Amino acid sequence: MKYALILGLVLLVIWLWRSSRKASQNDKKQTPASQKPTSIEKATEIVECQLCHVHLPRDEALTGRRGLYCSSAHKQQAGD
């Protein structure tokens, strides 16, 4: 009987601990609209190298007469 009581208390403590964790996680997920970030990040445009067809961000690509390239070596190799 003593072990059943101890086991019951342990299970009760575990149940209370888990239910309080779930409640705190739900509170974190439901942030008010005033606390949500208002700025939206601009998506990065992805382009393809004309020579090797590797995809890379547009701001890292090199512009040539015939298109965009991933490196200066590919730009030279293409004749630009």
Protein backbone atom coordinates (compact mmCIF):
# COMPACT_ATOMS: atom_id res chain seq x y z
CA MET A 1 0.00 0.00 0.00
CA LYS A 2 2.88 2.34 0.82
CA TYR A 3 4.43 1.80 -2.64
CA ALA A 4 1.11 2.44 -4.40
CA LEU A 5 0.79 5.77 -2.58
CA ILE A 6 4.34 6.80 -3.50
CA LEU A 7 3.80 5.74 -7.12
CA GLY A 8 0.55 7.74 -7.21
CA LEU A 9 2.31 10.84 -5.89
CA VAL A 10 5.14 10.49 -8.42
CA LEU A 11 2.64 10.15 -11.28
CA LEU A 12 0.70 13.18 -10.01
CA VAL A 13 3.86 15.30 -9.90
CA ILE A 14 4.83 14.22 -13.43
CA TRP A 15 1.33 14.98 -14.74
CA LEU A 16 1.32 18.44 -13.13
CA TRP A 17 4.79 19.21 -14.48
CA ARG A 18 3.87 18.18 -18.05
CA SER A 19 0.59 20.11 -18.02
CA SER A 20 2.35 23.28 -16.85
CA ARG A 21 4.98 22.89 -19.62
CA LYS A 22 2.25 22.54 -22.27
CA ALA A 23 0.49 25.64 -20.96
CA SER A 24 3.68 27.70 -21.05
CA GLN A 25 4.46 26.53 -24.60
CA ASN A 26 0.96 27.51 -25.74
CA ASP A 27 1.43 30.96 -24.19
CA LYS A 28 4.67 31.43 -26.13
CA LYS A 29 2.99 30.45 -29.42
CA GLN A 30 0.13 32.91 -28.96
CA THR A 31 1.92 36.24 -29.01
CA PRO A 32 -0.23 39.34 -29.44
CA ALA A 33 -0.26 41.02 -32.83
CA SER A 34 1.54 44.05 -31.40
CA GLN A 35 4.58 41.91 -30.57
CA LYS A 36 4.84 40.19 -33.95
CA PRO A 37 7.50 41.53 -36.32
CA THR A 38 6.07 43.98 -38.81
CA SER A 39 8.86 44.06 -41.36
CA ILE A 40 8.86 41.45 -44.10
CA GLU A 41 12.24 40.43 -45.44
CA LYS A 42 12.70 40.71 -49.16
CA ALA A 43 13.15 37.38 -50.93
CA THR A 44 16.49 36.78 -52.60
CA GLU A 45 16.32 36.28 -56.35
CA ILE A 46 18.15 33.16 -57.52
CA VAL A 47 19.80 33.15 -60.96
CA GLU A 48 21.65 30.55 -63.00
CA CYS A 49 25.22 30.70 -64.30
CA GLN A 50 25.16 30.63 -68.12
CA LEU A 51 28.17 28.31 -68.28
CA CYS A 52 27.85 25.71 -65.53
CA HIS A 53 24.15 26.19 -64.64
CA VAL A 54 24.84 26.58 -60.91
CA HIS A 55 22.15 28.53 -59.06
CA LEU A 56 23.28 31.45 -56.89
CA PRO A 57 21.86 34.68 -55.42
CA ARG A 58 21.62 37.54 -57.92
CA ASP A 59 23.71 39.87 -55.78
CA GLU A 60 26.64 37.38 -55.92
CA ALA A 61 26.44 36.82 -59.70
CA LEU A 62 28.73 38.58 -62.18
CA THR A 63 27.02 40.25 -65.12
CA GLY A 64 28.42 39.73 -68.59
CA ARG A 65 27.25 40.55 -72.11
CA ARG A 66 25.71 37.11 -72.56
CA GLY A 67 24.22 36.67 -69.10
CA LEU A 68 25.09 36.04 -65.49
CA TYR A 69 28.04 34.00 -64.24
CA CYS A 70 29.07 32.45 -60.92
CA SER A 71 32.75 33.43 -61.16
CA SER A 72 35.10 35.60 -63.15
CA ALA A 73 36.69 32.45 -64.62
CA HIS A 74 33.37 31.39 -66.12
CA LYS A 75 32.74 34.91 -67.36
CA GLN A 76 36.11 34.87 -69.18
CA GLN A 77 35.60 31.34 -70.45
CA ALA A 78 32.31 32.37 -72.03
CA GLY A 79 34.06 35.18 -73.88
CA ASP A 80 32.63 38.10 -71.92
